[in-house]
Amino acid sequence: MDPPLQCIEIAPNCSLSARGALLFFLGTCFGSFSVAGIMLLLGYWPVLPYAGLEMAVLAWALKVSLARRHHRQTITVSDRDVLIETRDRERCAQCVFPRHWARVKLHRPASRLHPSRLVIESHGRQIEIGDFLTEEERRGLAARLTRLIGRINESPTLA
């Protein structure tokens, strides 16, 4: 019989679809270039390049935002190991820690404006998990992982 596994998969909340982003972008372009066209007819031609630059920056921001929807982290806890797998479209990275020596740490933020950092560490290596989570979600995940992994030199049952 295989030993029990606990698996947690986390991903950023990306509620905007590719179609929705395209419709938003086209609507914004229509509004921006309509105003820029009127300004052009009134003789204010410098408005047009700024409108184009504005829409180029918006297109870049939407592309970066849509790329995040392919980011996933899977944390698998077995009796012996903690496996963290980070996937981002075609890239996949894995990090394995011995469960008995692994430790979950929630580092305080450097200032009130920065988020905390959730890491799993063992033997001088560490990996950050859930950097896209809200503060409340990160604290909840830290508590759940601490119950699953235990403290250093401690391995609670996975039943």
C-alpha atoms as a PDB file:
ATOM      1  CA  MET A   1       0.000   0.000   0.000  1.00  0.00           C
ATOM      2  CA  ASP A   2       1.338   3.444  -0.949  1.00  0.00           C
ATOM      3  CA  PRO A   3       1.953   5.932   1.844  1.00  0.00           C
ATOM      4  CA  PRO A   4      -0.647   8.738   2.111  1.00  0.00           C
ATOM      5  CA  LEU A   5       0.069  11.973   0.263  1.00  0.00           C
ATOM      6  CA  GLN A   6      -1.196  15.463   0.913  1.00  0.00           C
ATOM      7  CA  CYS A   7      -1.218  17.695  -2.163  1.00  0.00           C
ATOM      8  CA  ILE A   8      -1.842  21.459  -2.265  1.00  0.00           C
ATOM      9  CA  GLU A   9      -1.990  23.337  -5.566  1.00  0.00           C
ATOM     10  CA  ILE A  10      -1.957  27.131  -5.568  1.00  0.00           C
ATOM     11  CA  ALA A  11      -2.361  29.535  -8.478  1.00  0.00           C
ATOM     12  CA  PRO A  12      -2.934  33.278  -8.840  1.00  0.00           C
ATOM     13  CA  ASN A  13      -6.470  34.547  -9.224  1.00  0.00           C
ATOM     14  CA  CYS A  14      -6.697  35.565 -12.898  1.00  0.00           C
ATOM     15  CA  SER A  15     -10.350  36.319 -13.526  1.00  0.00           C
ATOM     16  CA  LEU A  16      -9.745  38.193 -16.796  1.00  0.00           C
ATOM     17  CA  SER A  17      -9.933  35.897 -19.827  1.00  0.00           C
ATOM     18  CA  ALA A  18      -7.950  36.467 -23.031  1.00  0.00           C
ATOM     19  CA  ARG A  19     -11.178  37.393 -24.845  1.00  0.00           C
ATOM     20  CA  GLY A  20     -12.173  39.791 -22.057  1.00  0.00           C
ATOM     21  CA  ALA A  21      -8.736  41.424 -22.151  1.00  0.00           C
ATOM     22  CA  LEU A  22      -8.980  41.874 -25.919  1.00  0.00           C
ATOM     23  CA  LEU A  23     -12.439  43.458 -25.663  1.00  0.00           C
ATOM     24  CA  PHE A  24     -11.245  45.752 -22.868  1.00  0.00           C
ATOM     25  CA  PHE A  25      -8.182  46.761 -24.888  1.00  0.00           C
ATOM     26  CA  LEU A  26     -10.175  47.439 -28.067  1.00  0.00           C
ATOM     27  CA  GLY A  27     -12.756  49.488 -26.160  1.00  0.00           C
ATOM     28  CA  THR A  28     -10.044  51.526 -24.458  1.00  0.00           C
ATOM     29  CA  CYS A  29      -8.252  52.065 -27.785  1.00  0.00           C
ATOM     30  CA  PHE A  30     -11.487  53.233 -29.375  1.00  0.00           C
ATOM     31  CA  GLY A  31     -12.096  55.777 -26.598  1.00  0.00           C
ATOM     32  CA  SER A  32      -8.513  57.001 -26.444  1.00  0.00           C
ATOM     33  CA  PHE A  33      -8.019  57.334 -30.198  1.00  0.00           C
ATOM     34  CA  SER A  34     -11.432  58.994 -30.608  1.00  0.00           C
ATOM     35  CA  VAL A  35     -10.416  61.749 -28.204  1.00  0.00           C
ATOM     36  CA  ALA A  36      -6.953  61.929 -29.791  1.00  0.00           C
ATOM     37  CA  GLY A  37      -8.581  62.222 -33.270  1.00  0.00           C
ATOM     38  CA  ILE A  38     -10.753  65.113 -32.142  1.00  0.00           C
ATOM     39  CA  MET A  39      -7.693  66.816 -30.643  1.00  0.00           C
ATOM     40  CA  LEU A  40      -5.832  66.211 -33.907  1.00  0.00           C
ATOM     41  CA  LEU A  41      -8.616  67.934 -35.871  1.00  0.00           C
ATOM     42  CA  LEU A  42      -8.414  70.884 -33.484  1.00  0.00           C
ATOM     43  CA  GLY A  43      -4.699  71.195 -34.184  1.00  0.00           C
ATOM     44  CA  TYR A  44      -3.335  69.524 -31.071  1.00  0.00           C
ATOM     45  CA  TRP A  45      -1.355  66.881 -32.965  1.00  0.00           C
ATOM     46  CA  PRO A  46       1.067  65.984 -30.081  1.00  0.00           C
ATOM     47  CA  VAL A  47      -1.822  64.205 -28.344  1.00  0.00           C
ATOM     48  CA  LEU A  48      -1.780  61.365 -30.909  1.00  0.00           C
ATOM     49  CA  PRO A  49       1.713  59.948 -30.129  1.00  0.00           C
ATOM     50  CA  TYR A  50       0.958  60.060 -26.399  1.00  0.00           C
ATOM     51  CA  ALA A  51      -2.294  58.154 -26.958  1.00  0.00           C
ATOM     52  CA  GLY A  52      -0.352  55.540 -28.949  1.00  0.00           C
ATOM     53  CA  LEU A  53       2.272  55.252 -26.206  1.00  0.00           C
ATOM     54  CA  GLU A  54      -0.464  54.933 -23.603  1.00  0.00           C
ATOM     55  CA  MET A  55      -2.110  52.076 -25.503  1.00  0.00           C
ATOM     56  CA  ALA A  56       1.247  50.337 -26.010  1.00  0.00           C
ATOM     57  CA  VAL A  57       1.866  50.401 -22.243  1.00  0.00           C
ATOM     58  CA  LEU A  58      -1.662  49.093 -21.625  1.00  0.00           C
ATOM     59  CA  ALA A  59      -1.089  46.242 -24.111  1.00  0.00           C
ATOM     60  CA  TRP A  60       2.162  45.312 -22.343  1.00  0.00           C
ATOM     61  CA  ALA A  61       0.456  45.371 -18.908  1.00  0.00           C
ATOM     62  CA  LEU A  62      -2.376  43.146 -20.131  1.00  0.00           C
ATOM     63  CA  LYS A  63       0.104  40.701 -21.659  1.00  0.00           C
ATOM     64  CA  VAL A  64       2.053  40.445 -18.389  1.00  0.00           C
ATOM     65  CA  SER A  65      -1.175  40.044 -16.423  1.00  0.00           C
ATOM     66  CA  LEU A  66      -2.463  37.279 -18.714  1.00  0.00           C
ATOM     67  CA  ALA A  67       0.871  35.429 -18.558  1.00  0.00           C
ATOM     68  CA  ARG A  68       0.428  34.967 -14.775  1.00  0.00           C
ATOM     69  CA  ARG A  69      -2.528  32.630 -15.310  1.00  0.00           C
ATOM     70  CA  HIS A  70      -0.113  29.840 -16.335  1.00  0.00           C
ATOM     71  CA  HIS A  71       1.801  30.000 -13.018  1.00  0.00           C
ATOM     72  CA  ARG A  72       1.149  27.112 -10.597  1.00  0.00           C
ATOM     73  CA  GLN A  73       2.806  25.752  -7.475  1.00  0.00           C
ATOM     74  CA  THR A  74       2.115  22.261  -6.177  1.00  0.00           C
ATOM     75  CA  ILE A  75       3.240  21.211  -2.708  1.00  0.00           C
ATOM     76  CA  THR A  76       3.163  17.444  -2.130  1.00  0.00           C
ATOM     77  CA  VAL A  77       3.818  16.170   1.387  1.00  0.00           C
ATOM     78  CA  SER A  78       4.568  12.473   1.863  1.00  0.00           C
ATOM     79  CA  ASP A  79       5.824  10.570   4.890  1.00  0.00           C
ATOM     80  CA  ARG A  80       9.436  11.112   3.788  1.00  0.00           C
ATOM     81  CA  ASP A  81       9.598  14.214   1.560  1.00  0.00           C
ATOM     82  CA  VAL A  82       8.165  17.626   0.771  1.00  0.00           C
ATOM     83  CA  LEU A  83       8.115  18.246  -2.980  1.00  0.00           C
ATOM     84  CA  ILE A  84       7.523  21.755  -4.322  1.00  0.00           C
ATOM     85  CA  GLU A  85       6.879  21.924  -8.053  1.00  0.00           C
ATOM     86  CA  THR A  86       6.691  25.343  -9.736  1.00  0.00           C
ATOM     87  CA  ARG A  87       5.244  25.452 -13.248  1.00  0.00           C
ATOM     88  CA  ASP A  88       5.105  28.436 -15.555  1.00  0.00           C
ATOM     89  CA  ARG A  89       3.845  27.446 -19.014  1.00  0.00           C
ATOM     90  CA  GLU A  90       6.686  25.278 -20.402  1.00  0.00           C
ATOM     91  CA  ARG A  91       9.104  25.683 -17.479  1.00  0.00           C
ATOM     92  CA  CYS A  92       8.951  23.351 -14.511  1.00  0.00           C
ATOM     93  CA  ALA A  93      11.212  23.409 -11.451  1.00  0.00           C
ATOM     94  CA  GLN A  94      11.175  20.949  -8.573  1.00  0.00           C
ATOM     95  CA  CYS A  95      12.647  21.185  -5.115  1.00  0.00           C
ATOM     96  CA  VAL A  96      12.608  18.271  -2.655  1.00  0.00           C
ATOM     97  CA  PHE A  97      13.196  18.550   1.086  1.00  0.00           C
ATOM     98  CA  PRO A  98      13.345  15.727   3.637  1.00  0.00           C
ATOM     99  CA  ARG A  99      10.144  16.189   5.642  1.00  0.00           C
ATOM    100  CA  HIS A 100      11.757  15.438   8.980  1.00  0.00           C
ATOM    101  CA  TRP A 101      14.167  18.377   8.590  1.00  0.00           C
ATOM    102  CA  ALA A 102      11.935  20.790   6.662  1.00  0.00           C
ATOM    103  CA  ARG A 103      10.682  23.942   8.328  1.00  0.00           C
ATOM    104  CA  VAL A 104       7.898  26.337   7.297  1.00  0.00           C
ATOM    105  CA  LYS A 105       8.692  29.984   7.979  1.00  0.00           C
ATOM    106  CA  LEU A 106       6.615  33.106   7.462  1.00  0.00           C
ATOM    107  CA  HIS A 107       9.051  36.026   7.310  1.00  0.00           C
ATOM    108  CA  ARG A 108       7.807  39.417   8.385  1.00  0.00           C
ATOM    109  CA  PRO A 109       7.738  42.137   5.738  1.00  0.00           C
ATOM    110  CA  ALA A 110      10.534  44.703   5.615  1.00  0.00           C
ATOM    111  CA  SER A 111       7.914  47.459   5.930  1.00  0.00           C
ATOM    112  CA  ARG A 112       4.144  47.679   6.263  1.00  0.00           C
ATOM    113  CA  LEU A 113       3.831  48.222   2.511  1.00  0.00           C
ATOM    114  CA  HIS A 114       5.549  44.946   1.580  1.00  0.00           C
ATOM    115  CA  PRO A 115       4.026  41.454   1.830  1.00  0.00           C
ATOM    116  CA  SER A 116       5.381  38.751   4.087  1.00  0.00           C
ATOM    117  CA  ARG A 117       7.372  35.845   2.586  1.00  0.00           C
ATOM    118  CA  LEU A 118       6.411  32.203   3.062  1.00  0.00           C
ATOM    119  CA  VAL A 119       9.336  29.808   2.665  1.00  0.00           C
ATOM    120  CA  ILE A 120      10.071  26.141   3.228  1.00  0.00           C
ATOM    121  CA  GLU A 121      13.677  25.542   4.174  1.00  0.00           C
ATOM    122  CA  SER A 122      16.008  22.716   5.072  1.00  0.00           C
ATOM    123  CA  HIS A 123      19.781  22.199   5.109  1.00  0.00           C
ATOM    124  CA  GLY A 124      20.577  25.781   4.041  1.00  0.00           C
ATOM    125  CA  ARG A 125      18.213  25.716   1.039  1.00  0.00           C
ATOM    126  CA  GLN A 126      14.900  27.510   0.860  1.00  0.00           C
ATOM    127  CA  ILE A 127      12.125  28.125  -1.626  1.00  0.00           C
ATOM    128  CA  GLU A 128       9.471  30.825  -1.503  1.00  0.00           C
ATOM    129  CA  ILE A 129       5.904  29.744  -2.089  1.00  0.00           C
ATOM    130  CA  GLY A 130       2.730  31.704  -2.694  1.00  0.00           C
ATOM    131  CA  ASP A 131       4.291  35.052  -3.579  1.00  0.00           C
ATOM    132  CA  PHE A 132       1.066  35.860  -5.494  1.00  0.00           C
ATOM    133  CA  LEU A 133      -1.238  35.140  -2.520  1.00  0.00           C
ATOM    134  CA  THR A 134      -2.893  37.768  -0.350  1.00  0.00           C
ATOM    135  CA  GLU A 135      -1.576  38.216   3.185  1.00  0.00           C
ATOM    136  CA  GLU A 136      -4.517  36.321   4.696  1.00  0.00           C
ATOM    137  CA  GLU A 137      -4.171  33.441   2.213  1.00  0.00           C
ATOM    138  CA  ARG A 138      -0.417  33.252   2.885  1.00  0.00           C
ATOM    139  CA  ARG A 139      -0.967  33.021   6.662  1.00  0.00           C
ATOM    140  CA  GLY A 140      -3.606  30.310   6.189  1.00  0.00           C
ATOM    141  CA  LEU A 141      -1.291  28.315   3.906  1.00  0.00           C
ATOM    142  CA  ALA A 142       1.561  28.691   6.422  1.00  0.00           C
ATOM    143  CA  ALA A 143      -0.640  27.312   9.212  1.00  0.00           C
ATOM    144  CA  ARG A 144      -1.806  24.396   7.037  1.00  0.00           C
ATOM    145  CA  LEU A 145       1.738  23.539   5.940  1.00  0.00           C
ATOM    146  CA  THR A 146       3.006  23.727   9.526  1.00  0.00           C
ATOM    147  CA  ARG A 147       0.325  21.195  10.552  1.00  0.00           C
ATOM    148  CA  LEU A 148       1.266  18.892   7.647  1.00  0.00           C
ATOM    149  CA  ILE A 149       5.054  19.155   7.759  1.00  0.00           C
ATOM    150  CA  GLY A 150       5.487  19.830  11.451  1.00  0.00           C
ATOM    151  CA  ARG A 151       8.339  21.660  13.048  1.00  0.00           C
ATOM    152  CA  ILE A 152      11.975  20.686  12.570  1.00  0.00           C
ATOM    153  CA  ASN A 153      12.660  17.174  13.942  1.00  0.00           C
ATOM    154  CA  GLU A 154       8.913  16.472  13.965  1.00  0.00           C
ATOM    155  CA  SER A 155       6.821  14.569  11.411  1.00  0.00           C
ATOM    156  CA  PRO A 156       3.091  14.413  12.248  1.00  0.00           C
ATOM    157  CA  THR A 157       0.997  11.651  10.718  1.00  0.00           C
ATOM    158  CA  LEU A 158      -0.667  12.464   7.377  1.00  0.00           C
ATOM    159  CA  ALA A 159      -3.911  10.554   7.977  1.00  0.00           C
END
